[in-house]
């Protein structure tokens, strides 16, 4: 039950992060109100790092800014390490 809930959460947060990066890129091109960078980083940190990274490269958005270029991959690595440790110690 917990695993199923975790998988659903991760799918939802990654999909949301991906869509937010795409929406922000679209808004940037049109000169409209933008999604705050803090929100985009927090989506990655909340478990959406794969979706954020995919959104960055598919939409070519925020790939030059160091906080995103290095921060999002670092978040993904840290989340992977935490998941591996959880798997090792909680099984």
Protein backbone atom coordinates (compact mmCIF):
# COMPACT_ATOMS: atom_id res chain seq x y z
CA UNK A 1 0.00 0.00 0.00
CA UNK A 2 2.78 2.45 0.91
CA UNK A 3 4.76 1.55 -2.21
CA UNK A 4 1.70 2.08 -4.42
CA UNK A 5 1.07 5.49 -2.83
CA UNK A 6 4.73 6.46 -3.25
CA UNK A 7 4.72 5.48 -6.93
CA UNK A 8 1.52 7.46 -7.57
CA UNK A 9 2.99 10.49 -5.77
CA UNK A 10 6.24 10.32 -7.74
CA UNK A 11 4.40 10.02 -11.05
CA UNK A 12 2.19 12.99 -10.16
CA UNK A 13 4.99 15.27 -8.91
CA UNK A 14 7.22 14.48 -11.90
CA UNK A 15 4.37 15.09 -14.35
CA UNK A 16 3.58 18.37 -12.57
CA UNK A 17 7.22 19.48 -12.63
CA UNK A 18 7.50 18.64 -16.33
CA UNK A 19 4.35 20.61 -17.15
CA UNK A 20 5.48 23.59 -15.04
CA UNK A 21 8.81 23.82 -16.86
CA UNK A 22 6.95 23.73 -20.18
CA UNK A 23 4.42 26.32 -19.05
CA UNK A 24 7.15 28.63 -17.76
CA UNK A 25 9.03 28.40 -21.05
CA UNK A 26 5.85 29.23 -22.95
CA UNK A 27 5.18 32.20 -20.67
CA UNK A 28 8.77 33.38 -21.08
CA UNK A 29 8.42 33.42 -24.86
CA UNK A 30 5.19 35.42 -24.61
CA UNK A 31 6.44 37.89 -22.03
CA UNK A 32 3.77 36.83 -19.52
CA UNK A 33 3.77 36.26 -15.76
CA UNK A 34 6.31 33.56 -14.88
CA UNK A 35 6.46 30.69 -12.43
CA UNK A 36 8.97 31.67 -9.70
CA UNK A 37 12.35 29.91 -9.96
CA UNK A 38 11.99 28.89 -6.33
CA UNK A 39 8.81 26.98 -7.19
CA UNK A 40 10.55 25.16 -10.05
CA UNK A 41 13.44 24.13 -7.78
CA UNK A 42 11.04 23.08 -4.99
CA UNK A 43 9.14 20.85 -7.41
CA UNK A 44 12.41 19.06 -8.18
CA UNK A 45 13.28 18.80 -4.49
CA UNK A 46 9.82 17.45 -3.66
CA UNK A 47 10.51 14.39 -5.78
CA UNK A 48 10.00 15.77 -9.26
CA UNK A 49 13.65 15.93 -10.27
CA UNK A 50 13.24 13.55 -13.22
CA UNK A 51 10.31 15.55 -14.57
CA UNK A 52 12.17 18.82 -13.97
CA UNK A 53 15.28 17.58 -15.75
CA UNK A 54 13.21 16.24 -18.65
CA UNK A 55 11.35 19.56 -18.87
CA UNK A 56 14.60 21.50 -18.83
CA UNK A 57 16.03 19.64 -21.80
CA UNK A 58 12.87 18.98 -23.81
CA UNK A 59 11.74 22.62 -23.57
CA UNK A 60 15.31 24.03 -23.54
CA UNK A 61 14.44 25.98 -20.41
CA UNK A 62 16.70 27.06 -17.54
CA UNK A 63 19.60 25.01 -18.91
CA UNK A 64 22.11 27.88 -18.67
CA UNK A 65 21.35 29.07 -15.13
CA UNK A 66 23.78 27.37 -12.71
CA UNK A 67 21.12 26.83 -10.04
CA UNK A 68 19.22 24.68 -12.51
CA UNK A 69 22.05 23.31 -14.65
CA UNK A 70 23.83 21.86 -11.62
CA UNK A 71 21.14 22.01 -8.95
CA UNK A 72 18.48 19.80 -10.53
CA UNK A 73 20.92 16.99 -11.46
CA UNK A 74 22.39 17.20 -7.95
CA UNK A 75 18.90 16.89 -6.45
CA UNK A 76 18.29 13.84 -8.66
CA UNK A 77 21.54 12.22 -7.51
CA UNK A 78 20.76 12.90 -3.85
CA UNK A 79 17.27 11.47 -4.25
CA UNK A 80 18.73 8.38 -5.91
CA UNK A 81 21.20 7.90 -3.04
CA UNK A 82 18.39 8.30 -0.50
CA UNK A 83 16.22 5.80 -2.37
CA UNK A 84 19.09 3.30 -2.52
CA UNK A 85 19.80 3.70 1.19
CA UNK A 86 16.11 3.32 2.02
CA UNK A 87 15.97 0.16 -0.07
CA UNK A 88 19.06 -1.28 1.63
CA UNK A 89 18.08 -0.45 5.19
CA UNK A 90 14.29 -0.78 5.06
CA UNK A 91 13.80 -4.04 3.23
